[in-house]
C-alpha atoms as a PDB file:
ATOM      1  CA  UNK A   1     -22.722 -23.403  24.438  1.00  0.00           C
ATOM      2  CA  UNK A   2     -25.812 -23.481  27.073  1.00  0.00           C
ATOM      3  CA  UNK A   3     -29.039 -22.543  25.634  1.00  0.00           C
ATOM      4  CA  UNK A   4     -32.469 -22.544  27.913  1.00  0.00           C
ATOM      5  CA  UNK A   5     -35.427 -24.465  26.688  1.00  0.00           C
ATOM      6  CA  UNK A   6     -37.430 -20.990  25.698  1.00  0.00           C
ATOM      7  CA  UNK A   7     -34.597 -19.736  23.699  1.00  0.00           C
ATOM      8  CA  UNK A   8     -34.407 -23.343  21.954  1.00  0.00           C
ATOM      9  CA  UNK A   9     -38.073 -22.875  20.888  1.00  0.00           C
ATOM     10  CA  UNK A  10     -38.375 -19.313  19.946  1.00  0.00           C
ATOM     11  CA  UNK A  11     -35.221 -20.262  17.612  1.00  0.00           C
ATOM     12  CA  UNK A  12     -36.564 -22.808  16.019  1.00  0.00           C
ATOM     13  CA  UNK A  13     -40.182 -21.357  15.816  1.00  0.00           C
ATOM     14  CA  UNK A  14     -38.258 -18.065  13.684  1.00  0.00           C
ATOM     15  CA  UNK A  15     -36.802 -21.111  11.603  1.00  0.00           C
ATOM     16  CA  UNK A  16     -40.054 -22.606  10.869  1.00  0.00           C
ATOM     17  CA  UNK A  17     -41.568 -19.130  10.404  1.00  0.00           C
ATOM     18  CA  UNK A  18     -38.581 -18.116   7.850  1.00  0.00           C
ATOM     19  CA  UNK A  19     -39.037 -21.168   5.654  1.00  0.00           C
ATOM     20  CA  UNK A  20     -43.014 -20.772   5.501  1.00  0.00           C
ATOM     21  CA  UNK A  21     -42.427 -17.207   4.225  1.00  0.00           C
ATOM     22  CA  UNK A  22     -39.838 -18.659   1.659  1.00  0.00           C
ATOM     23  CA  UNK A  23     -42.105 -21.463   0.726  1.00  0.00           C
ATOM     24  CA  UNK A  24     -44.917 -18.877   0.357  1.00  0.00           C
END
């Protein structure tokens, strides 16, 4: 499994946004 730094950042950002939507 090889992911680029950018891909990891995008995934983490998406997860954070998802959490924000759920919390909101």
